[in-house]
Each structure stands twice: as C-alpha cells, then as structure tokens.
Amino acid sequence: MKKTLVGAIVAVAAVLSLSSCGTMPQHAETRIAMPAVVVVQGGPIGARVLIDNVDVGALAKKETRFSVASGTHDFRINMNGQELYNRQLFMQDGTQKVIYLGKQ
C-alpha cells in the first residue's frame, strides 16, 4: 500500500510539472507615441512662429500650442520684423516645453 501511495504521488507530481511546461503568461502591451508640444504663453497676438524656418502659424490670445517631431528644432517668433524669441530646442515624444513671453 505504501508503494502504491508513493507511486501515485510521483505520478501526480510528474503530471503537474509537465502540464506547466510551455505555458507563458499572456498579456498585451500598448504604447502610444504622444507628440512633443511647444506651448507659447503670452506674446503679441499675431506674432509669427517659425519652426525650422517654416511658418507654422500665429500666436493666439493666452497660449498657442505647436506639435513637433522628436529631435532638435530651430524655434523663432517674429513680429513686424522684430525677433522676439530665437532658440534651438531639443524635444522628445511626449514632452512639453513652455515658452513664456510675458503679457503684451
């Protein structure tokens, strides 16, 4: 009887260990790439914004947002021939840079 019990325990242990082989936890991972954003606060309404020497729009009332690709960009803001801002910005996906020009 003792031999049969030991044999049964060994058999159950073998079945349990073999049944767990090859199974991996199942999960899904989703990554969403968020664009980098430059936010300009303040400044004169109508000032032109140039990113990499391309006119991308004008400043609005309180703040204006511009999406940019990851990387280094030349960022300028001009009004009536006067340069209000000129910087090179390094941006990564999902980051936000705030440029405060003050109340105008």
PDB file of N, CA and C in Angstrom:
ATOM      1  N   MET A   1       0.822  -1.185   0.000  1.00  0.00           N
ATOM      2  CA  MET A   1       0.000   0.000   0.000  1.00  0.00           C
ATOM      3  C   MET A   1       0.863   1.244   0.000  1.00  0.00           C
ATOM      4  N   LYS A   2       1.954   1.209   0.769  1.00  0.00           N
ATOM      5  CA  LYS A   2       2.842   2.360   0.843  1.00  0.00           C
ATOM      6  C   LYS A   2       3.477   2.630  -0.525  1.00  0.00           C
ATOM      7  N   LYS A   3       3.840   1.550  -1.241  1.00  0.00           N
ATOM      8  CA  LYS A   3       4.437   1.679  -2.558  1.00  0.00           C
ATOM      9  C   LYS A   3       3.453   2.315  -3.538  1.00  0.00           C
ATOM     10  N   THR A   4       2.198   1.958  -3.449  1.00  0.00           N
ATOM     11  CA  THR A   4       1.182   2.488  -4.333  1.00  0.00           C
ATOM     12  C   THR A   4       0.954   3.971  -4.074  1.00  0.00           C
ATOM     13  N   LEU A   5       0.963   4.375  -2.838  1.00  0.00           N
ATOM     14  CA  LEU A   5       0.780   5.778  -2.479  1.00  0.00           C
ATOM     15  C   LEU A   5       1.948   6.618  -2.973  1.00  0.00           C
ATOM     16  N   VAL A   6       3.166   6.132  -2.788  1.00  0.00           N
ATOM     17  CA  VAL A   6       4.343   6.854  -3.268  1.00  0.00           C
ATOM     18  C   VAL A   6       4.312   6.935  -4.787  1.00  0.00           C
ATOM     19  N   GLY A   7       3.937   5.878  -5.444  1.00  0.00           N
ATOM     20  CA  GLY A   7       3.837   5.872  -6.912  1.00  0.00           C
ATOM     21  C   GLY A   7       2.804   6.870  -7.406  1.00  0.00           C
ATOM     22  N   ALA A   8       1.672   6.952  -6.700  1.00  0.00           N
ATOM     23  CA  ALA A   8       0.623   7.902  -7.086  1.00  0.00           C
ATOM     24  C   ALA A   8       1.084   9.340  -6.902  1.00  0.00           C
ATOM     25  N   ILE A   9       1.791   9.629  -5.821  1.00  0.00           N
ATOM     26  CA  ILE A   9       2.306  10.986  -5.575  1.00  0.00           C
ATOM     27  C   ILE A   9       3.316  11.363  -6.652  1.00  0.00           C
ATOM     28  N   VAL A  10       4.191  10.444  -7.006  1.00  0.00           N
ATOM     29  CA  VAL A  10       5.181  10.701  -8.060  1.00  0.00           C
ATOM     30  C   VAL A  10       4.475  10.941  -9.385  1.00  0.00           C
ATOM     31  N   ALA A  11       3.461  10.174  -9.685  1.00  0.00           N
ATOM     32  CA  ALA A  11       2.725  10.335 -10.939  1.00  0.00           C
ATOM     33  C   ALA A  11       2.027  11.691 -11.001  1.00  0.00           C
ATOM     34  N   VAL A  12       1.400  12.095  -9.903  1.00  0.00           N
ATOM     35  CA  VAL A  12       0.714  13.393  -9.856  1.00  0.00           C
ATOM     36  C   VAL A  12       1.721  14.524 -10.004  1.00  0.00           C
ATOM     37  N   ALA A  13       2.859  14.422  -9.331  1.00  0.00           N
ATOM     38  CA  ALA A  13       3.893  15.454  -9.439  1.00  0.00           C
ATOM     39  C   ALA A  13       4.407  15.551 -10.865  1.00  0.00           C
ATOM     40  N   ALA A  14       4.581  14.420 -11.521  1.00  0.00           N
ATOM     41  CA  ALA A  14       5.063  14.425 -12.911  1.00  0.00           C
ATOM     42  C   ALA A  14       4.046  15.076 -13.831  1.00  0.00           C
ATOM     43  N   VAL A  15       2.769  14.763 -13.645  1.00  0.00           N
ATOM     44  CA  VAL A  15       1.719  15.354 -14.482  1.00  0.00           C
ATOM     45  C   VAL A  15       1.654  16.866 -14.265  1.00  0.00           C
ATOM     46  N   LEU A  16       1.730  17.297 -13.027  1.00  0.00           N
ATOM     47  CA  LEU A  16       1.673  18.732 -12.737  1.00  0.00           C
ATOM     48  C   LEU A  16       2.866  19.474 -13.320  1.00  0.00           C
ATOM     49  N   SER A  17       4.038  18.901 -13.217  1.00  0.00           N
ATOM     50  CA  SER A  17       5.208  19.597 -13.749  1.00  0.00           C
ATOM     51  C   SER A  17       5.196  19.627 -15.267  1.00  0.00           C
ATOM     52  N   LEU A  18       4.716  18.580 -15.910  1.00  0.00           N
ATOM     53  CA  LEU A  18       4.646  18.566 -17.368  1.00  0.00           C
ATOM     54  C   LEU A  18       3.543  19.473 -17.896  1.00  0.00           C
ATOM     55  N   SER A  19       2.456  19.598 -17.163  1.00  0.00           N
ATOM     56  CA  SER A  19       1.351  20.430 -17.643  1.00  0.00           C
ATOM     57  C   SER A  19       1.701  21.914 -17.607  1.00  0.00           C
ATOM     58  N   SER A  20       2.655  22.299 -16.780  1.00  0.00           N
ATOM     59  CA  SER A  20       3.020  23.710 -16.718  1.00  0.00           C
ATOM     60  C   SER A  20       4.087  24.075 -17.736  1.00  0.00           C
ATOM     61  N   CYS A  21       4.696  23.091 -18.369  1.00  0.00           N
ATOM     62  CA  CYS A  21       5.742  23.377 -19.363  1.00  0.00           C
ATOM     63  C   CYS A  21       5.131  24.034 -20.589  1.00  0.00           C
ATOM     64  N   GLY A  22       5.798  25.034 -21.089  1.00  0.00           N
ATOM     65  CA  GLY A  22       5.380  25.663 -22.336  1.00  0.00           C
ATOM     66  C   GLY A  22       4.287  26.697 -22.193  1.00  0.00           C
ATOM     67  N   THR A  23       3.766  26.898 -21.021  1.00  0.00           N
ATOM     68  CA  THR A  23       2.742  27.922 -20.879  1.00  0.00           C
ATOM     69  C   THR A  23       3.400  29.208 -20.379  1.00  0.00           C
ATOM     70  N   MET A  24       3.063  30.285 -21.028  1.00  0.00           N
ATOM     71  CA  MET A  24       3.597  31.597 -20.673  1.00  0.00           C
ATOM     72  C   MET A  24       2.428  32.495 -20.307  1.00  0.00           C
ATOM     73  N   PRO A  25       2.653  33.406 -19.399  1.00  0.00           N
ATOM     74  CA  PRO A  25       1.584  34.351 -19.087  1.00  0.00           C
ATOM     75  C   PRO A  25       1.228  35.165 -20.325  1.00  0.00           C
ATOM     76  N   GLN A  26      -0.031  35.365 -20.509  1.00  0.00           N
ATOM     77  CA  GLN A  26      -0.500  36.128 -21.662  1.00  0.00           C
ATOM     78  C   GLN A  26      -0.815  37.557 -21.228  1.00  0.00           C
ATOM     79  N   HIS A  27      -0.259  38.542 -21.946  1.00  0.00           N
ATOM     80  CA  HIS A  27      -0.567  39.941 -21.665  1.00  0.00           C
ATOM     81  C   HIS A  27      -0.342  40.740 -22.936  1.00  0.00           C
ATOM     82  N   ALA A  28      -0.893  41.892 -22.961  1.00  0.00           N
ATOM     83  CA  ALA A  28      -0.731  42.776 -24.106  1.00  0.00           C
ATOM     84  C   ALA A  28      -0.151  44.087 -23.622  1.00  0.00           C
ATOM     85  N   GLU A  29       0.750  44.637 -24.399  1.00  0.00           N
ATOM     86  CA  GLU A  29       1.337  45.933 -24.065  1.00  0.00           C
ATOM     87  C   GLU A  29       1.048  46.885 -25.206  1.00  0.00           C
ATOM     88  N   THR A  30       0.521  48.025 -24.866  1.00  0.00           N
ATOM     89  CA  THR A  30       0.213  49.030 -25.876  1.00  0.00           C
ATOM     90  C   THR A  30       0.959  50.301 -25.521  1.00  0.00           C
ATOM     91  N   ARG A  31       1.699  50.820 -26.480  1.00  0.00           N
ATOM     92  CA  ARG A  31       2.387  52.097 -26.285  1.00  0.00           C
ATOM     93  C   ARG A  31       1.822  53.097 -27.275  1.00  0.00           C
ATOM     94  N   ILE A  32       1.546  54.250 -26.770  1.00  0.00           N
ATOM     95  CA  ILE A  32       1.021  55.313 -27.618  1.00  0.00           C
ATOM     96  C   ILE A  32       2.064  56.413 -27.666  1.00  0.00           C
ATOM     97  N   ALA A  33       2.535  56.720 -28.854  1.00  0.00           N
ATOM     98  CA  ALA A  33       3.526  57.782 -29.013  1.00  0.00           C
ATOM     99  C   ALA A  33       2.801  59.126 -29.017  1.00  0.00           C
ATOM    100  N   MET A  34       3.077  59.920 -28.012  1.00  0.00           N
ATOM    101  CA  MET A  34       2.492  61.252 -27.923  1.00  0.00           C
ATOM    102  C   MET A  34       3.472  62.234 -28.562  1.00  0.00           C
ATOM    103  N   PRO A  35       2.981  63.163 -29.336  1.00  0.00           N
ATOM    104  CA  PRO A  35       3.899  64.123 -29.938  1.00  0.00           C
ATOM    105  C   PRO A  35       4.475  65.076 -28.901  1.00  0.00           C
ATOM    106  N   ALA A  36       5.604  65.644 -29.217  1.00  0.00           N
ATOM    107  CA  ALA A  36       6.170  66.702 -28.389  1.00  0.00           C
ATOM    108  C   ALA A  36       5.381  67.979 -28.674  1.00  0.00           C
ATOM    109  N   VAL A  37       5.227  68.821 -27.662  1.00  0.00           N
ATOM    110  CA  VAL A  37       4.428  70.038 -27.808  1.00  0.00           C
ATOM    111  C   VAL A  37       5.202  71.228 -27.269  1.00  0.00           C
ATOM    112  N   VAL A  38       5.218  72.310 -28.044  1.00  0.00           N
ATOM    113  CA  VAL A  38       5.762  73.582 -27.585  1.00  0.00           C
ATOM    114  C   VAL A  38       4.569  74.493 -27.329  1.00  0.00           C
ATOM    115  N   VAL A  39       4.495  75.037 -26.112  1.00  0.00           N
ATOM    116  CA  VAL A  39       3.395  75.930 -25.723  1.00  0.00           C
ATOM    117  C   VAL A  39       3.978  77.328 -25.556  1.00  0.00           C
ATOM    118  N   VAL A  40       3.427  78.285 -26.281  1.00  0.00           N
ATOM    119  CA  VAL A  40       3.856  79.683 -26.149  1.00  0.00           C
ATOM    120  C   VAL A  40       2.777  80.413 -25.360  1.00  0.00           C
ATOM    121  N   GLN A  41       3.165  80.988 -24.221  1.00  0.00           N
ATOM    122  CA  GLN A  41       2.232  81.747 -23.395  1.00  0.00           C
ATOM    123  C   GLN A  41       2.586  83.221 -23.494  1.00  0.00           C
ATOM    124  N   GLY A  42       1.562  84.026 -23.665  1.00  0.00           N
ATOM    125  CA  GLY A  42       1.785  85.467 -23.784  1.00  0.00           C
ATOM    126  C   GLY A  42       2.268  85.841 -25.170  1.00  0.00           C
ATOM    127  N   GLY A  43       2.896  86.997 -25.240  1.00  0.00           N
ATOM    128  CA  GLY A  43       3.384  87.485 -26.530  1.00  0.00           C
ATOM    129  C   GLY A  43       2.298  88.218 -27.281  1.00  0.00           C
ATOM    130  N   PRO A  44       2.691  88.984 -28.282  1.00  0.00           N
ATOM    131  CA  PRO A  44       1.699  89.750 -29.038  1.00  0.00           C
ATOM    132  C   PRO A  44       0.871  88.858 -29.963  1.00  0.00           C
ATOM    133  N   ILE A  45      -0.440  89.071 -29.938  1.00  0.00           N
ATOM    134  CA  ILE A  45      -1.321  88.316 -30.824  1.00  0.00           C
ATOM    135  C   ILE A  45      -0.935  88.621 -32.266  1.00  0.00           C
ATOM    136  N   GLY A  46      -0.801  87.570 -33.052  1.00  0.00           N
ATOM    137  CA  GLY A  46      -0.449  87.734 -34.461  1.00  0.00           C
ATOM    138  C   GLY A  46       1.026  87.544 -34.756  1.00  0.00           C
ATOM    139  N   ALA A  47       1.872  87.470 -33.730  1.00  0.00           N
ATOM    140  CA  ALA A  47       3.298  87.215 -33.968  1.00  0.00           C
ATOM    141  C   ALA A  47       3.440  85.871 -34.671  1.00  0.00           C
ATOM    142  N   ARG A  48       4.347  85.798 -35.640  1.00  0.00           N
ATOM    143  CA  ARG A  48       4.509  84.588 -36.439  1.00  0.00           C
ATOM    144  C   ARG A  48       5.503  83.636 -35.779  1.00  0.00           C
ATOM    145  N   VAL A  49       5.182  82.355 -35.817  1.00  0.00           N
ATOM    146  CA  VAL A  49       6.030  81.314 -35.248  1.00  0.00           C
ATOM    147  C   VAL A  49       6.646  80.517 -36.395  1.00  0.00           C
ATOM    148  N   LEU A  50       7.972  80.396 -36.354  1.00  0.00           N
ATOM    149  CA  LEU A  50       8.687  79.623 -37.369  1.00  0.00           C
ATOM    150  C   LEU A  50       9.419  78.478 -36.683  1.00  0.00           C
ATOM    151  N   ILE A  51       9.177  77.279 -37.170  1.00  0.00           N
ATOM    152  CA  ILE A  51       9.889  76.109 -36.686  1.00  0.00           C
ATOM    153  C   ILE A  51      10.693  75.569 -37.853  1.00  0.00           C
ATOM    154  N   ASP A  52      12.008  75.523 -37.680  1.00  0.00           N
ATOM    155  CA  ASP A  52      12.930  75.101 -38.745  1.00  0.00           C
ATOM    156  C   ASP A  52      12.705  75.913 -40.016  1.00  0.00           C
ATOM    157  N   ASN A  53      12.529  77.228 -39.848  1.00  0.00           N
ATOM    158  CA  ASN A  53      12.335  78.197 -40.933  1.00  0.00           C
ATOM    159  C   ASN A  53      11.040  78.000 -41.714  1.00  0.00           C
ATOM    160  N   VAL A  54      10.073  77.298 -41.127  1.00  0.00           N
ATOM    161  CA  VAL A  54       8.762  77.131 -41.750  1.00  0.00           C
ATOM    162  C   VAL A  54       7.744  77.846 -40.868  1.00  0.00           C
ATOM    163  N   ASP A  55       6.975  78.765 -41.474  1.00  0.00           N
ATOM    164  CA  ASP A  55       5.942  79.490 -40.746  1.00  0.00           C
ATOM    165  C   ASP A  55       4.813  78.514 -40.419  1.00  0.00           C
ATOM    166  N   VAL A  56       4.595  78.282 -39.111  1.00  0.00           N
ATOM    167  CA  VAL A  56       3.586  77.303 -38.688  1.00  0.00           C
ATOM    168  C   VAL A  56       2.346  77.957 -38.096  1.00  0.00           C
ATOM    169  N   GLY A  57       2.306  79.288 -38.041  1.00  0.00           N
ATOM    170  CA  GLY A  57       1.114  79.958 -37.548  1.00  0.00           C
ATOM    171  C   GLY A  57       1.432  81.175 -36.718  1.00  0.00           C
ATOM    172  N   ALA A  58       0.365  81.759 -36.170  1.00  0.00           N
ATOM    173  CA  ALA A  58       0.475  82.987 -35.381  1.00  0.00           C
ATOM    174  C   ALA A  58       0.072  82.711 -33.943  1.00  0.00           C
ATOM    175  N   LEU A  59       0.542  83.564 -33.040  1.00  0.00           N
ATOM    176  CA  LEU A  59       0.168  83.455 -31.640  1.00  0.00           C
ATOM    177  C   LEU A  59      -1.282  83.875 -31.461  1.00  0.00           C
ATOM    178  N   ALA A  60      -1.975  83.153 -30.591  1.00  0.00           N
ATOM    179  CA  ALA A  60      -3.366  83.465 -30.275  1.00  0.00           C
ATOM    180  C   ALA A  60      -3.410  84.210 -28.942  1.00  0.00           C
ATOM    181  N   LYS A  61      -4.553  84.242 -28.290  1.00  0.00           N
ATOM    182  CA  LYS A  61      -4.718  85.045 -27.079  1.00  0.00           C
ATOM    183  C   LYS A  61      -3.786  84.663 -25.930  1.00  0.00           C
ATOM    184  N   LYS A  62      -4.151  83.675 -25.102  1.00  0.00           N
ATOM    185  CA  LYS A  62      -3.365  83.379 -23.907  1.00  0.00           C
ATOM    186  C   LYS A  62      -2.208  82.427 -24.182  1.00  0.00           C
ATOM    187  N   GLU A  63      -2.489  81.367 -24.937  1.00  0.00           N
ATOM    188  CA  GLU A  63      -1.424  80.428 -25.254  1.00  0.00           C
ATOM    189  C   GLU A  63      -1.706  79.763 -26.590  1.00  0.00           C
ATOM    190  N   THR A  64      -0.632  79.357 -27.239  1.00  0.00           N
ATOM    191  CA  THR A  64      -0.733  78.684 -28.523  1.00  0.00           C
ATOM    192  C   THR A  64       0.151  77.449 -28.466  1.00  0.00           C
ATOM    193  N   ARG A  65      -0.353  76.332 -28.979  1.00  0.00           N
ATOM    194  CA  ARG A  65       0.368  75.054 -28.934  1.00  0.00           C
ATOM    195  C   ARG A  65       0.806  74.642 -30.334  1.00  0.00           C
ATOM    196  N   PHE A  66       2.009  74.083 -30.396  1.00  0.00           N
ATOM    197  CA  PHE A  66       2.552  73.584 -31.653  1.00  0.00           C
ATOM    198  C   PHE A  66       3.123  72.194 -31.425  1.00  0.00           C
ATOM    199  N   SER A  67       2.652  71.206 -32.181  1.00  0.00           N
ATOM    200  CA  SER A  67       3.201  69.850 -32.108  1.00  0.00           C
ATOM    201  C   SER A  67       4.430  69.770 -32.992  1.00  0.00           C
ATOM    202  N   VAL A  68       5.456  69.095 -32.483  1.00  0.00           N
ATOM    203  CA  VAL A  68       6.694  68.927 -33.250  1.00  0.00           C
ATOM    204  C   VAL A  68       7.153  67.481 -33.139  1.00  0.00           C
ATOM    205  N   ALA A  69       7.947  67.068 -34.117  1.00  0.00           N
ATOM    206  CA  ALA A  69       8.528  65.728 -34.091  1.00  0.00           C
ATOM    207  C   ALA A  69       9.685  65.704 -33.099  1.00  0.00           C
ATOM    208  N   SER A  70      10.065  64.515 -32.696  1.00  0.00           N
ATOM    209  CA  SER A  70      11.239  64.383 -31.827  1.00  0.00           C
ATOM    210  C   SER A  70      12.471  64.890 -32.561  1.00  0.00           C
ATOM    211  N   GLY A  71      13.372  65.497 -31.803  1.00  0.00           N
ATOM    212  CA  GLY A  71      14.610  65.982 -32.394  1.00  0.00           C
ATOM    213  C   GLY A  71      14.886  67.424 -32.023  1.00  0.00           C
ATOM    214  N   THR A  72      15.886  67.990 -32.658  1.00  0.00           N
ATOM    215  CA  THR A  72      16.288  69.370 -32.406  1.00  0.00           C
ATOM    216  C   THR A  72      15.655  70.273 -33.457  1.00  0.00           C
ATOM    217  N   HIS A  73      15.085  71.377 -33.007  1.00  0.00           N
ATOM    218  CA  HIS A  73      14.388  72.302 -33.910  1.00  0.00           C
ATOM    219  C   HIS A  73      14.800  73.733 -33.621  1.00  0.00           C
ATOM    220  N   ASP A  74      14.902  74.532 -34.677  1.00  0.00           N
ATOM    221  CA  ASP A  74      15.086  75.979 -34.540  1.00  0.00           C
ATOM    222  C   ASP A  74      13.700  76.573 -34.364  1.00  0.00           C
ATOM    223  N   PHE A  75      13.508  77.319 -33.286  1.00  0.00           N
ATOM    224  CA  PHE A  75      12.203  77.864 -32.947  1.00  0.00           C
ATOM    225  C   PHE A  75      12.326  79.371 -32.831  1.00  0.00           C
ATOM    226  N   ARG A  76      11.598  80.095 -33.695  1.00  0.00           N
ATOM    227  CA  ARG A  76      11.658  81.563 -33.687  1.00  0.00           C
ATOM    228  C   ARG A  76      10.265  82.154 -33.661  1.00  0.00           C
ATOM    229  N   ILE A  77      10.162  83.327 -33.033  1.00  0.00           N
ATOM    230  CA  ILE A  77       8.916  84.086 -33.020  1.00  0.00           C
ATOM    231  C   ILE A  77       9.267  85.509 -33.450  1.00  0.00           C
ATOM    232  N   ASN A  78       8.566  85.983 -34.491  1.00  0.00           N
ATOM    233  CA  ASN A  78       8.830  87.313 -35.052  1.00  0.00           C
ATOM    234  C   ASN A  78       7.544  88.129 -35.101  1.00  0.00           C
ATOM    235  N   MET A  79       7.704  89.446 -34.923  1.00  0.00           N
ATOM    236  CA  MET A  79       6.569  90.363 -35.054  1.00  0.00           C
ATOM    237  C   MET A  79       7.060  91.629 -35.723  1.00  0.00           C
ATOM    238  N   ASN A  80       6.495  91.954 -36.885  1.00  0.00           N
ATOM    239  CA  ASN A  80       6.840  93.166 -37.637  1.00  0.00           C
ATOM    240  C   ASN A  80       8.351  93.304 -37.823  1.00  0.00           C
ATOM    241  N   GLY A  81       9.003  92.234 -38.188  1.00  0.00           N
ATOM    242  CA  GLY A  81      10.438  92.273 -38.454  1.00  0.00           C
ATOM    243  C   GLY A  81      11.310  92.192 -37.208  1.00  0.00           C
ATOM    244  N   GLN A  82      10.729  92.198 -36.036  1.00  0.00           N
ATOM    245  CA  GLN A  82      11.494  92.115 -34.795  1.00  0.00           C
ATOM    246  C   GLN A  82      11.472  90.675 -34.283  1.00  0.00           C
ATOM    247  N   GLU A  83      12.650  90.164 -33.930  1.00  0.00           N
ATOM    248  CA  GLU A  83      12.742  88.803 -33.404  1.00  0.00           C
ATOM    249  C   GLU A  83      12.489  88.822 -31.897  1.00  0.00           C
ATOM    250  N   LEU A  84      11.425  88.134 -31.459  1.00  0.00           N
ATOM    251  CA  LEU A  84      11.054  88.098 -30.050  1.00  0.00           C
ATOM    252  C   LEU A  84      11.663  86.896 -29.325  1.00  0.00           C
ATOM    253  N   TYR A  85      11.931  85.837 -30.082  1.00  0.00           N
ATOM    254  CA  TYR A  85      12.447  84.607 -29.470  1.00  0.00           C
ATOM    255  C   TYR A  85      13.214  83.840 -30.537  1.00  0.00           C
ATOM    256  N   ASN A  86      14.371  83.318 -30.171  1.00  0.00           N
ATOM    257  CA  ASN A  86      15.165  82.522 -31.104  1.00  0.00           C
ATOM    258  C   ASN A  86      15.990  81.526 -30.298  1.00  0.00           C
ATOM    259  N   ARG A  87      15.574  80.267 -30.320  1.00  0.00           N
ATOM    260  CA  ARG A  87      16.281  79.216 -29.577  1.00  0.00           C
ATOM    261  C   ARG A  87      16.264  77.925 -30.373  1.00  0.00           C
ATOM    262  N   GLN A  88      17.224  77.092 -30.055  1.00  0.00           N
ATOM    263  CA  GLN A  88      17.223  75.737 -30.584  1.00  0.00           C
ATOM    264  C   GLN A  88      16.688  74.838 -29.463  1.00  0.00           C
ATOM    265  N   LEU A  89      15.646  74.082 -29.757  1.00  0.00           N
ATOM    266  CA  LEU A  89      15.001  73.245 -28.754  1.00  0.00           C
ATOM    267  C   LEU A  89      15.171  71.774 -29.106  1.00  0.00           C
ATOM    268  N   PHE A  90      15.539  70.976 -28.115  1.00  0.00           N
ATOM    269  CA  PHE A  90      15.563  69.526 -28.298  1.00  0.00           C
ATOM    270  C   PHE A  90      14.301  68.971 -27.666  1.00  0.00           C
ATOM    271  N   MET A  91      13.526  68.254 -28.459  1.00  0.00           N
ATOM    272  CA  MET A  91      12.244  67.734 -27.988  1.00  0.00           C
ATOM    273  C   MET A  91      12.209  66.215 -28.152  1.00  0.00           C
ATOM    274  N   GLN A  92      11.567  65.549 -27.189  1.00  0.00           N
ATOM    275  CA  GLN A  92      11.326  64.117 -27.265  1.00  0.00           C
ATOM    276  C   GLN A  92       9.825  63.872 -27.245  1.00  0.00           C
ATOM    277  N   ASP A  93       9.396  62.751 -27.841  1.00  0.00           N
ATOM    278  CA  ASP A  93       7.974  62.412 -27.837  1.00  0.00           C
ATOM    279  C   ASP A  93       7.415  62.476 -26.423  1.00  0.00           C
ATOM    280  N   GLY A  94       6.248  63.065 -26.298  1.00  0.00           N
ATOM    281  CA  GLY A  94       5.571  63.122 -25.018  1.00  0.00           C
ATOM    282  C   GLY A  94       6.008  64.260 -24.111  1.00  0.00           C
ATOM    283  N   THR A  95       6.992  65.064 -24.537  1.00  0.00           N
ATOM    284  CA  THR A  95       7.444  66.165 -23.691  1.00  0.00           C
ATOM    285  C   THR A  95       6.736  67.468 -24.080  1.00  0.00           C
ATOM    286  N   GLN A  96       6.750  68.395 -23.154  1.00  0.00           N
ATOM    287  CA  GLN A  96       6.147  69.704 -23.397  1.00  0.00           C
ATOM    288  C   GLN A  96       7.111  70.775 -22.926  1.00  0.00           C
ATOM    289  N   LYS A  97       7.338  71.773 -23.762  1.00  0.00           N
ATOM    290  CA  LYS A  97       8.196  72.917 -23.429  1.00  0.00           C
ATOM    291  C   LYS A  97       7.299  74.148 -23.437  1.00  0.00           C
ATOM    292  N   VAL A  98       7.372  74.925 -22.347  1.00  0.00           N
ATOM    293  CA  VAL A  98       6.572  76.152 -22.252  1.00  0.00           C
ATOM    294  C   VAL A  98       7.503  77.346 -22.433  1.00  0.00           C
ATOM    295  N   ILE A  99       7.156  78.208 -23.373  1.00  0.00           N
ATOM    296  CA  ILE A  99       7.883  79.450 -23.604  1.00  0.00           C
ATOM    297  C   ILE A  99       6.981  80.585 -23.119  1.00  0.00           C
ATOM    298  N   TYR A 100       7.453  81.330 -22.143  1.00  0.00           N
ATOM    299  CA  TYR A 100       6.662  82.415 -21.593  1.00  0.00           C
ATOM    300  C   TYR A 100       7.217  83.733 -22.128  1.00  0.00           C
ATOM    301  N   LEU A 101       6.407  84.435 -22.893  1.00  0.00           N
ATOM    302  CA  LEU A 101       6.832  85.711 -23.472  1.00  0.00           C
ATOM    303  C   LEU A 101       6.306  86.894 -22.678  1.00  0.00           C
ATOM    304  N   GLY A 102       5.545  86.662 -21.651  1.00  0.00           N
ATOM    305  CA  GLY A 102       5.004  87.764 -20.851  1.00  0.00           C
ATOM    306  C   GLY A 102       3.739  88.334 -21.453  1.00  0.00           C
ATOM    307  N   LYS A 103       3.131  89.235 -20.737  1.00  0.00           N
ATOM    308  CA  LYS A 103       1.905  89.885 -21.214  1.00  0.00           C
ATOM    309  C   LYS A 103       2.287  90.981 -22.178  1.00  0.00           C
ATOM    310  N   GLN A 104       1.624  91.020 -23.296  1.00  0.00           N
ATOM    311  CA  GLN A 104       1.938  92.034 -24.307  1.00  0.00           C
ATOM    312  C   GLN A 104       0.680  92.721 -24.775  1.00  0.00           C
TER     313      GLN A 104
END
